[in-house]
Amino acid sequence: DLSRAKTAQLLAAASSGGLTLLGAEQAIDDWKDTRARLEGLFADT
């Protein structure tokens, strides 16, 4: 539905400084595993 480049720009903007453009691209590429990884990191912390 959306191009990776345009979506990365939208996600970086939506993150209010939380993600760079590169970080947004990586987050898009790994989106299916991100919630589980963050939940695991939180629990371990």
All heavy atoms as atom14 arrays in JSON, in Angstrom:
{
  "sequence": "DLSRAKTAQLLAAASSGGLTLLGAEQAIDDWKDTRARLEGLFADT",
  "atom14_mask": [
    [1, 1, 1, 1, 1, 1, 1, 1, 0, 0, 0, 0, 0, 0],
    [1, 1, 1, 1, 1, 1, 1, 1, 0, 0, 0, 0, 0, 0],
    [1, 1, 1, 1, 1, 1, 0, 0, 0, 0, 0, 0, 0, 0],
    [1, 1, 1, 1, 1, 1, 1, 1, 1, 1, 1, 0, 0, 0],
    [1, 1, 1, 1, 1, 0, 0, 0, 0, 0, 0, 0, 0, 0],
    [1, 1, 1, 1, 1, 1, 1, 1, 1, 0, 0, 0, 0, 0],
    [1, 1, 1, 1, 1, 1, 1, 0, 0, 0, 0, 0, 0, 0],
    [1, 1, 1, 1, 1, 0, 0, 0, 0, 0, 0, 0, 0, 0],
    [1, 1, 1, 1, 1, 1, 1, 1, 1, 0, 0, 0, 0, 0],
    [1, 1, 1, 1, 1, 1, 1, 1, 0, 0, 0, 0, 0, 0],
    [1, 1, 1, 1, 1, 1, 1, 1, 0, 0, 0, 0, 0, 0],
    [1, 1, 1, 1, 1, 0, 0, 0, 0, 0, 0, 0, 0, 0],
    [1, 1, 1, 1, 1, 0, 0, 0, 0, 0, 0, 0, 0, 0],
    [1, 1, 1, 1, 1, 0, 0, 0, 0, 0, 0, 0, 0, 0],
    [1, 1, 1, 1, 1, 1, 0, 0, 0, 0, 0, 0, 0, 0],
    [1, 1, 1, 1, 1, 1, 0, 0, 0, 0, 0, 0, 0, 0],
    [1, 1, 1, 1, 0, 0, 0, 0, 0, 0, 0, 0, 0, 0],
    [1, 1, 1, 1, 0, 0, 0, 0, 0, 0, 0, 0, 0, 0],
    [1, 1, 1, 1, 1, 1, 1, 1, 0, 0, 0, 0, 0, 0],
    [1, 1, 1, 1, 1, 1, 1, 0, 0, 0, 0, 0, 0, 0],
    [1, 1, 1, 1, 1, 1, 1, 1, 0, 0, 0, 0, 0, 0],
    [1, 1, 1, 1, 1, 1, 1, 1, 0, 0, 0, 0, 0, 0],
    [1, 1, 1, 1, 0, 0, 0, 0, 0, 0, 0, 0, 0, 0],
    [1, 1, 1, 1, 1, 0, 0, 0, 0, 0, 0, 0, 0, 0],
    [1, 1, 1, 1, 1, 1, 1, 1, 1, 0, 0, 0, 0, 0],
    [1, 1, 1, 1, 1, 1, 1, 1, 1, 0, 0, 0, 0, 0],
    [1, 1, 1, 1, 1, 0, 0, 0, 0, 0, 0, 0, 0, 0],
    [1, 1, 1, 1, 1, 1, 1, 1, 0, 0, 0, 0, 0, 0],
    [1, 1, 1, 1, 1, 1, 1, 1, 0, 0, 0, 0, 0, 0],
    [1, 1, 1, 1, 1, 1, 1, 1, 0, 0, 0, 0, 0, 0],
    [1, 1, 1, 1, 1, 1, 1, 1, 1, 1, 1, 1, 1, 1],
    [1, 1, 1, 1, 1, 1, 1, 1, 1, 0, 0, 0, 0, 0],
    [1, 1, 1, 1, 1, 1, 1, 1, 0, 0, 0, 0, 0, 0],
    [1, 1, 1, 1, 1, 1, 1, 0, 0, 0, 0, 0, 0, 0],
    [1, 1, 1, 1, 1, 1, 1, 1, 1, 1, 1, 0, 0, 0],
    [1, 1, 1, 1, 1, 0, 0, 0, 0, 0, 0, 0, 0, 0],
    [1, 1, 1, 1, 1, 1, 1, 1, 1, 1, 1, 0, 0, 0],
    [1, 1, 1, 1, 1, 1, 1, 1, 0, 0, 0, 0, 0, 0],
    [1, 1, 1, 1, 1, 1, 1, 1, 1, 0, 0, 0, 0, 0],
    [1, 1, 1, 1, 0, 0, 0, 0, 0, 0, 0, 0, 0, 0],
    [1, 1, 1, 1, 1, 1, 1, 1, 0, 0, 0, 0, 0, 0],
    [1, 1, 1, 1, 1, 1, 1, 1, 1, 1, 1, 0, 0, 0],
    [1, 1, 1, 1, 1, 0, 0, 0, 0, 0, 0, 0, 0, 0],
    [1, 1, 1, 1, 1, 1, 1, 1, 0, 0, 0, 0, 0, 0],
    [1, 1, 1, 1, 1, 1, 1, 0, 0, 0, 0, 0, 0, 0]
  ],
  "atom14_positions": [
    [[0.8, -1.22, 0.0], [0.0, 0.0, 0.0], [0.84, 1.27, 0.0], [0.39, 2.32, -0.48], [-0.92, 0.04, 1.22], [-1.92, -1.11, 1.24], [-2.19, -1.66, 0.15], [-2.4, -1.46, 2.33], [0.0, 0.0, 0.0], [0.0, 0.0, 0.0], [0.0, 0.0, 0.0], [0.0, 0.0, 0.0], [0.0, 0.0, 0.0], [0.0, 0.0, 0.0]],
    [[2.04, 1.2, 0.57], [2.93, 2.35, 0.67], [4.34, 1.94, 0.3], [4.74, 0.79, 0.53], [2.94, 2.9, 2.11], [1.64, 3.48, 2.66], [1.76, 3.73, 4.16], [1.31, 4.79, 1.94], [0.0, 0.0, 0.0], [0.0, 0.0, 0.0], [0.0, 0.0, 0.0], [0.0, 0.0, 0.0], [0.0, 0.0, 0.0], [0.0, 0.0, 0.0]],
    [[5.11, 2.89, -0.23], [6.51, 2.6, -0.54], [7.32, 2.63, 0.76], [6.97, 3.34, 1.71], [7.08, 3.62, -1.52], [7.28, 4.87, -0.88], [0.0, 0.0, 0.0], [0.0, 0.0, 0.0], [0.0, 0.0, 0.0], [0.0, 0.0, 0.0], [0.0, 0.0, 0.0], [0.0, 0.0, 0.0], [0.0, 0.0, 0.0], [0.0, 0.0, 0.0]],
    [[8.4, 1.88, 0.78], [9.27, 1.82, 1.97], [9.86, 3.2, 2.26], [9.9, 3.64, 3.41], [10.37, 0.8, 1.77], [11.3, 0.64, 2.95], [12.32, -0.47, 2.67], [13.27, -0.62, 3.75], [14.46, -0.04, 3.77], [14.86, 0.73, 2.78], [15.27, -0.24, 4.8], [0.0, 0.0, 0.0], [0.0, 0.0, 0.0], [0.0, 0.0, 0.0]],
    [[10.32, 3.91, 1.24], [10.94, 5.22, 1.43], [9.96, 6.24, 2.02], [10.28, 6.94, 2.98], [11.51, 5.73, 0.11], [0.0, 0.0, 0.0], [0.0, 0.0, 0.0], [0.0, 0.0, 0.0], [0.0, 0.0, 0.0], [0.0, 0.0, 0.0], [0.0, 0.0, 0.0], [0.0, 0.0, 0.0], [0.0, 0.0, 0.0], [0.0, 0.0, 0.0]],
    [[8.76, 6.32, 1.43], [7.75, 7.26, 1.93], [7.32, 6.89, 3.35], [7.16, 7.75, 4.21], [6.54, 7.28, 0.98], [5.44, 8.22, 1.42], [5.91, 9.66, 1.48], [4.77, 10.59, 1.87], [5.23, 11.96, 2.07], [0.0, 0.0, 0.0], [0.0, 0.0, 0.0], [0.0, 0.0, 0.0], [0.0, 0.0, 0.0], [0.0, 0.0, 0.0]],
    [[7.16, 5.59, 3.59], [6.73, 5.13, 4.9], [7.78, 5.43, 5.96], [7.44, 5.82, 7.08], [6.41, 3.62, 4.86], [5.41, 3.41, 3.87], [5.9, 3.12, 6.19], [0.0, 0.0, 0.0], [0.0, 0.0, 0.0], [0.0, 0.0, 0.0], [0.0, 0.0, 0.0], [0.0, 0.0, 0.0], [0.0, 0.0, 0.0], [0.0, 0.0, 0.0]],
    [[9.04, 5.28, 5.62], [10.11, 5.59, 6.56], [10.07, 7.06, 6.95], [10.25, 7.42, 8.12], [11.47, 5.22, 5.98], [0.0, 0.0, 0.0], [0.0, 0.0, 0.0], [0.0, 0.0, 0.0], [0.0, 0.0, 0.0], [0.0, 0.0, 0.0], [0.0, 0.0, 0.0], [0.0, 0.0, 0.0], [0.0, 0.0, 0.0], [0.0, 0.0, 0.0]],
    [[9.8, 7.93, 5.97], [9.68, 9.36, 6.27], [8.5, 9.63, 7.21], [8.62, 10.4, 8.16], [9.51, 10.16, 4.98], [10.73, 10.17, 4.1], [10.46, 10.84, 2.77], [9.33, 11.12, 2.4], [11.53, 11.11, 2.03], [0.0, 0.0, 0.0], [0.0, 0.0, 0.0], [0.0, 0.0, 0.0], [0.0, 0.0, 0.0], [0.0, 0.0, 0.0]],
    [[7.37, 8.99, 6.93], [6.18, 9.16, 7.77], [6.42, 8.65, 9.19], [6.04, 9.3, 10.17], [4.99, 8.44, 7.15], [4.47, 9.01, 5.83], [3.44, 8.05, 5.21], [3.87, 10.39, 6.04], [0.0, 0.0, 0.0], [0.0, 0.0, 0.0], [0.0, 0.0, 0.0], [0.0, 0.0, 0.0], [0.0, 0.0, 0.0], [0.0, 0.0, 0.0]],
    [[7.06, 7.49, 9.31], [7.31, 6.91, 10.62], [8.31, 7.74, 11.4], [8.11, 7.99, 12.6], [7.82, 5.46, 10.49], [8.13, 4.73, 11.79], [6.92, 4.71, 12.72], [8.62, 3.32, 11.5], [0.0, 0.0, 0.0], [0.0, 0.0, 0.0], [0.0, 0.0, 0.0], [0.0, 0.0, 0.0], [0.0, 0.0, 0.0], [0.0, 0.0, 0.0]],
    [[9.36, 8.21, 10.75], [10.33, 9.06, 11.44], [9.65, 10.33, 11.95], [9.89, 10.75, 13.09], [11.49, 9.41, 10.5], [0.0, 0.0, 0.0], [0.0, 0.0, 0.0], [0.0, 0.0, 0.0], [0.0, 0.0, 0.0], [0.0, 0.0, 0.0], [0.0, 0.0, 0.0], [0.0, 0.0, 0.0], [0.0, 0.0, 0.0], [0.0, 0.0, 0.0]],
    [[8.79, 10.93, 11.15], [8.07, 12.13, 11.57], [7.1, 11.82, 12.71], [7.0, 12.58, 13.68], [7.31, 12.73, 10.39], [0.0, 0.0, 0.0], [0.0, 0.0, 0.0], [0.0, 0.0, 0.0], [0.0, 0.0, 0.0], [0.0, 0.0, 0.0], [0.0, 0.0, 0.0], [0.0, 0.0, 0.0], [0.0, 0.0, 0.0], [0.0, 0.0, 0.0]],
    [[6.41, 10.7, 12.62], [5.44, 10.32, 13.65], [6.11, 9.99, 14.98], [5.48, 10.1, 16.04], [4.62, 9.12, 13.18], [0.0, 0.0, 0.0], [0.0, 0.0, 0.0], [0.0, 0.0, 0.0], [0.0, 0.0, 0.0], [0.0, 0.0, 0.0], [0.0, 0.0, 0.0], [0.0, 0.0, 0.0], [0.0, 0.0, 0.0], [0.0, 0.0, 0.0]],
    [[7.39, 9.63, 14.94], [8.09, 9.24, 16.17], [8.52, 10.44, 17.0], [9.06, 10.27, 18.09], [9.31, 8.38, 15.83], [10.36, 9.17, 15.3], [0.0, 0.0, 0.0], [0.0, 0.0, 0.0], [0.0, 0.0, 0.0], [0.0, 0.0, 0.0], [0.0, 0.0, 0.0], [0.0, 0.0, 0.0], [0.0, 0.0, 0.0], [0.0, 0.0, 0.0]],
    [[8.31, 11.64, 16.5], [8.66, 12.88, 17.21], [10.11, 12.88, 17.69], [10.4, 13.2, 18.84], [7.72, 13.1, 18.4], [6.39, 13.19, 17.97], [0.0, 0.0, 0.0], [0.0, 0.0, 0.0], [0.0, 0.0, 0.0], [0.0, 0.0, 0.0], [0.0, 0.0, 0.0], [0.0, 0.0, 0.0], [0.0, 0.0, 0.0], [0.0, 0.0, 0.0]],
    [[11.01, 12.48, 16.81], [12.43, 12.47, 17.16], [12.92, 11.16, 17.73], [14.1, 11.01, 18.01], [0.0, 0.0, 0.0], [0.0, 0.0, 0.0], [0.0, 0.0, 0.0], [0.0, 0.0, 0.0], [0.0, 0.0, 0.0], [0.0, 0.0, 0.0], [0.0, 0.0, 0.0], [0.0, 0.0, 0.0], [0.0, 0.0, 0.0], [0.0, 0.0, 0.0]],
    [[12.03, 10.2, 17.91], [12.43, 8.9, 18.47], [13.17, 8.03, 17.48], [13.95, 7.16, 17.88], [0.0, 0.0, 0.0], [0.0, 0.0, 0.0], [0.0, 0.0, 0.0], [0.0, 0.0, 0.0], [0.0, 0.0, 0.0], [0.0, 0.0, 0.0], [0.0, 0.0, 0.0], [0.0, 0.0, 0.0], [0.0, 0.0, 0.0], [0.0, 0.0, 0.0]],
    [[12.95, 8.25, 16.19], [13.62, 7.46, 15.16], [14.21, 8.38, 14.11], [13.57, 9.33, 13.68], [12.63, 6.51, 14.46], [12.04, 5.37, 15.28], [10.93, 4.69, 14.48], [13.12, 4.37, 15.66], [0.0, 0.0, 0.0], [0.0, 0.0, 0.0], [0.0, 0.0, 0.0], [0.0, 0.0, 0.0], [0.0, 0.0, 0.0], [0.0, 0.0, 0.0]],
    [[15.42, 8.06, 13.69], [16.0, 8.71, 12.53], [15.39, 8.05, 11.3], [14.67, 7.05, 11.41], [17.52, 8.52, 12.49], [17.8, 7.12, 12.35], [18.18, 9.08, 13.74], [0.0, 0.0, 0.0], [0.0, 0.0, 0.0], [0.0, 0.0, 0.0], [0.0, 0.0, 0.0], [0.0, 0.0, 0.0], [0.0, 0.0, 0.0], [0.0, 0.0, 0.0]],
    [[15.7, 8.58, 10.13], [15.21, 7.96, 8.91], [15.73, 6.53, 8.79], [14.98, 5.6, 8.47], [15.61, 8.79, 7.69], [15.04, 8.35, 6.35], [13.52, 8.29, 6.39], [15.51, 9.29, 5.25], [0.0, 0.0, 0.0], [0.0, 0.0, 0.0], [0.0, 0.0, 0.0], [0.0, 0.0, 0.0], [0.0, 0.0, 0.0], [0.0, 0.0, 0.0]],
    [[17.01, 6.32, 9.1], [17.58, 4.97, 9.05], [16.91, 4.06, 10.07], [16.57, 2.91, 9.79], [19.09, 5.02, 9.29], [19.81, 3.67, 9.32], [19.64, 2.92, 8.01], [21.28, 3.87, 9.65], [0.0, 0.0, 0.0], [0.0, 0.0, 0.0], [0.0, 0.0, 0.0], [0.0, 0.0, 0.0], [0.0, 0.0, 0.0], [0.0, 0.0, 0.0]],
    [[16.69, 4.58, 11.28], [16.0, 3.8, 12.31], [14.6, 3.43, 11.9], [14.12, 2.32, 12.17], [0.0, 0.0, 0.0], [0.0, 0.0, 0.0], [0.0, 0.0, 0.0], [0.0, 0.0, 0.0], [0.0, 0.0, 0.0], [0.0, 0.0, 0.0], [0.0, 0.0, 0.0], [0.0, 0.0, 0.0], [0.0, 0.0, 0.0], [0.0, 0.0, 0.0]],
    [[13.91, 4.35, 11.25], [12.56, 4.08, 10.77], [12.57, 3.0, 9.69], [11.72, 2.11, 9.68], [11.92, 5.36, 10.23], [0.0, 0.0, 0.0], [0.0, 0.0, 0.0], [0.0, 0.0, 0.0], [0.0, 0.0, 0.0], [0.0, 0.0, 0.0], [0.0, 0.0, 0.0], [0.0, 0.0, 0.0], [0.0, 0.0, 0.0], [0.0, 0.0, 0.0]],
    [[13.56, 3.05, 8.79], [13.67, 2.02, 7.76], [13.9, 0.65, 8.38], [13.29, -0.34, 7.98], [14.82, 2.36, 6.8], [14.53, 3.54, 5.91], [15.74, 4.01, 5.12], [16.88, 3.57, 5.42], [15.56, 4.82, 4.2], [0.0, 0.0, 0.0], [0.0, 0.0, 0.0], [0.0, 0.0, 0.0], [0.0, 0.0, 0.0], [0.0, 0.0, 0.0]],
    [[14.78, 0.59, 9.37], [15.05, -0.68, 10.04], [13.82, -1.18, 10.79], [13.52, -2.38, 10.79], [16.24, -0.55, 11.0], [17.54, -0.33, 10.26], [18.69, 0.01, 11.18], [18.5, 0.43, 12.32], [19.9, -0.17, 10.69], [0.0, 0.0, 0.0], [0.0, 0.0, 0.0], [0.0, 0.0, 0.0], [0.0, 0.0, 0.0], [0.0, 0.0, 0.0]],
    [[13.11, -0.27, 11.44], [11.9, -0.65, 12.16], [10.85, -1.21, 11.21], [10.16, -2.19, 11.53], [11.34, 0.55, 12.93], [0.0, 0.0, 0.0], [0.0, 0.0, 0.0], [0.0, 0.0, 0.0], [0.0, 0.0, 0.0], [0.0, 0.0, 0.0], [0.0, 0.0, 0.0], [0.0, 0.0, 0.0], [0.0, 0.0, 0.0], [0.0, 0.0, 0.0]],
    [[10.72, -0.61, 10.03], [9.77, -1.1, 9.03], [10.16, -2.49, 8.55], [9.32, -3.38, 8.4], [9.66, -0.1, 7.86], [8.95, 1.16, 8.32], [8.95, -0.73, 6.66], [9.08, 2.33, 7.37], [0.0, 0.0, 0.0], [0.0, 0.0, 0.0], [0.0, 0.0, 0.0], [0.0, 0.0, 0.0], [0.0, 0.0, 0.0], [0.0, 0.0, 0.0]],
    [[11.45, -2.69, 8.32], [11.93, -3.99, 7.85], [11.68, -5.1, 8.88], [11.41, -6.23, 8.51], [13.42, -3.94, 7.52], [13.72, -3.06, 6.32], [12.78, -2.75, 5.55], [14.9, -2.69, 6.15], [0.0, 0.0, 0.0], [0.0, 0.0, 0.0], [0.0, 0.0, 0.0], [0.0, 0.0, 0.0], [0.0, 0.0, 0.0], [0.0, 0.0, 0.0]],
    [[11.77, -4.75, 10.17], [11.66, -5.75, 11.24], [10.36, -5.63, 12.02], [10.26, -6.11, 13.15], [12.83, -5.58, 12.23], [14.18, -5.79, 11.58], [14.26, -6.55, 10.6], [15.16, -5.17, 12.04], [0.0, 0.0, 0.0], [0.0, 0.0, 0.0], [0.0, 0.0, 0.0], [0.0, 0.0, 0.0], [0.0, 0.0, 0.0], [0.0, 0.0, 0.0]],
    [[9.34, -5.04, 11.43], [8.13, -4.7, 12.19], [7.44, -5.88, 12.83], [6.87, -5.77, 13.91], [7.15, -3.93, 11.3], [6.44, -4.76, 10.28], [6.88, -5.03, 9.01], [5.19, -5.42, 10.42], [5.96, -5.82, 8.35], [4.92, -6.08, 9.19], [4.27, -5.54, 11.45], [3.78, -6.83, 8.99], [3.12, -6.28, 11.23], [2.88, -6.92, 10.03]],
    [[7.49, -7.06, 12.24], [6.78, -8.21, 12.79], [7.36, -8.69, 14.11], [6.64, -9.27, 14.93], [6.76, -9.36, 11.79], [5.9, -9.09, 10.58], [5.92, -10.24, 9.61], [5.13, -9.93, 8.37], [5.22, -11.0, 7.38], [0.0, 0.0, 0.0], [0.0, 0.0, 0.0], [0.0, 0.0, 0.0], [0.0, 0.0, 0.0], [0.0, 0.0, 0.0]],
    [[8.65, -8.46, 14.33], [9.31, -8.95, 15.54], [9.51, -7.88, 16.61], [9.94, -8.19, 17.72], [10.69, -9.53, 15.18], [10.6, -10.68, 14.21], [9.65, -11.48, 14.33], [11.47, -10.79, 13.33], [0.0, 0.0, 0.0], [0.0, 0.0, 0.0], [0.0, 0.0, 0.0], [0.0, 0.0, 0.0], [0.0, 0.0, 0.0], [0.0, 0.0, 0.0]],
    [[9.23, -6.64, 16.28], [9.57, -5.54, 17.18], [8.83, -5.6, 18.51], [9.43, -5.43, 19.57], [9.31, -4.19, 16.48], [10.1, -4.14, 15.3], [9.68, -3.03, 17.38], [0.0, 0.0, 0.0], [0.0, 0.0, 0.0], [0.0, 0.0, 0.0], [0.0, 0.0, 0.0], [0.0, 0.0, 0.0], [0.0, 0.0, 0.0], [0.0, 0.0, 0.0]],
    [[7.53, -5.84, 18.5], [6.77, -5.85, 19.75], [7.28, -6.95, 20.69], [7.52, -6.7, 21.87], [5.28, -6.03, 19.5], [4.45, -5.92, 20.78], [2.95, -6.03, 20.5], [2.46, -4.96, 19.65], [1.97, -3.8, 20.11], [1.93, -3.56, 21.39], [1.52, -2.9, 19.25], [0.0, 0.0, 0.0], [0.0, 0.0, 0.0], [0.0, 0.0, 0.0]],
    [[7.5, -8.13, 20.17], [7.99, -9.24, 21.0], [9.38, -8.93, 21.56], [9.67, -9.22, 22.73], [8.0, -10.54, 20.2], [0.0, 0.0, 0.0], [0.0, 0.0, 0.0], [0.0, 0.0, 0.0], [0.0, 0.0, 0.0], [0.0, 0.0, 0.0], [0.0, 0.0, 0.0], [0.0, 0.0, 0.0], [0.0, 0.0, 0.0], [0.0, 0.0, 0.0]],
    [[10.25, -8.34, 20.71], [11.6, -8.0, 21.19], [11.54, -6.96, 22.31], [12.24, -7.06, 23.31], [12.46, -7.5, 20.04], [13.06, -8.57, 19.19], [14.21, -8.1, 18.3], [14.15, -6.71, 17.92], [13.63, -6.23, 16.78], [13.13, -7.05, 15.9], [13.63, -4.94, 16.52], [0.0, 0.0, 0.0], [0.0, 0.0, 0.0], [0.0, 0.0, 0.0]],
    [[10.71, -5.94, 22.13], [10.6, -4.9, 23.15], [9.98, -5.43, 24.44], [10.39, -5.06, 25.54], [9.81, -3.72, 22.62], [10.5, -2.89, 21.53], [9.56, -1.8, 21.03], [11.8, -2.31, 22.02], [0.0, 0.0, 0.0], [0.0, 0.0, 0.0], [0.0, 0.0, 0.0], [0.0, 0.0, 0.0], [0.0, 0.0, 0.0], [0.0, 0.0, 0.0]],
    [[8.98, -6.29, 24.3], [8.37, -6.89, 25.51], [9.39, -7.74, 26.25], [9.46, -7.72, 27.48], [7.14, -7.7, 25.13], [5.96, -6.84, 24.73], [4.79, -7.63, 24.17], [4.94, -8.83, 23.88], [3.71, -7.02, 24.01], [0.0, 0.0, 0.0], [0.0, 0.0, 0.0], [0.0, 0.0, 0.0], [0.0, 0.0, 0.0], [0.0, 0.0, 0.0]],
    [[10.19, -8.51, 25.51], [11.23, -9.32, 26.12], [12.28, -8.47, 26.8], [12.73, -8.77, 27.92], [0.0, 0.0, 0.0], [0.0, 0.0, 0.0], [0.0, 0.0, 0.0], [0.0, 0.0, 0.0], [0.0, 0.0, 0.0], [0.0, 0.0, 0.0], [0.0, 0.0, 0.0], [0.0, 0.0, 0.0], [0.0, 0.0, 0.0], [0.0, 0.0, 0.0]],
    [[12.7, -7.4, 26.14], [13.68, -6.49, 26.72], [13.15, -5.85, 27.99], [13.85, -5.75, 29.0], [14.07, -5.42, 25.7], [15.09, -4.39, 26.15], [16.41, -5.05, 26.52], [15.29, -3.35, 25.06], [0.0, 0.0, 0.0], [0.0, 0.0, 0.0], [0.0, 0.0, 0.0], [0.0, 0.0, 0.0], [0.0, 0.0, 0.0], [0.0, 0.0, 0.0]],
    [[11.89, -5.44, 27.97], [11.28, -4.83, 29.15], [11.24, -5.83, 30.31], [11.63, -5.52, 31.44], [9.86, -4.34, 28.83], [9.15, -3.79, 30.02], [9.43, -2.51, 30.48], [8.21, -4.54, 30.71], [8.79, -2.0, 31.6], [7.57, -4.04, 31.82], [7.85, -2.76, 32.27], [0.0, 0.0, 0.0], [0.0, 0.0, 0.0], [0.0, 0.0, 0.0]],
    [[10.8, -7.05, 30.03], [10.71, -8.07, 31.08], [12.09, -8.39, 31.65], [12.26, -8.52, 32.87], [10.06, -9.34, 30.53], [0.0, 0.0, 0.0], [0.0, 0.0, 0.0], [0.0, 0.0, 0.0], [0.0, 0.0, 0.0], [0.0, 0.0, 0.0], [0.0, 0.0, 0.0], [0.0, 0.0, 0.0], [0.0, 0.0, 0.0], [0.0, 0.0, 0.0]],
    [[13.09, -8.51, 30.79], [14.45, -8.78, 31.25], [14.99, -7.63, 32.1], [15.68, -7.85, 33.09], [15.39, -9.02, 30.06], [15.19, -10.38, 29.42], [14.41, -11.19, 29.95], [15.83, -10.63, 28.37], [0.0, 0.0, 0.0], [0.0, 0.0, 0.0], [0.0, 0.0, 0.0], [0.0, 0.0, 0.0], [0.0, 0.0, 0.0], [0.0, 0.0, 0.0]],
    [[14.67, -6.4, 31.7], [15.12, -5.24, 32.47], [14.49, -5.23, 33.85], [15.17, -5.01, 34.86], [14.79, -3.94, 31.72], [15.43, -3.97, 30.44], [15.25, -2.72, 32.48], [0.0, 0.0, 0.0], [0.0, 0.0, 0.0], [0.0, 0.0, 0.0], [0.0, 0.0, 0.0], [0.0, 0.0, 0.0], [0.0, 0.0, 0.0], [0.0, 0.0, 0.0]]
  ]
}
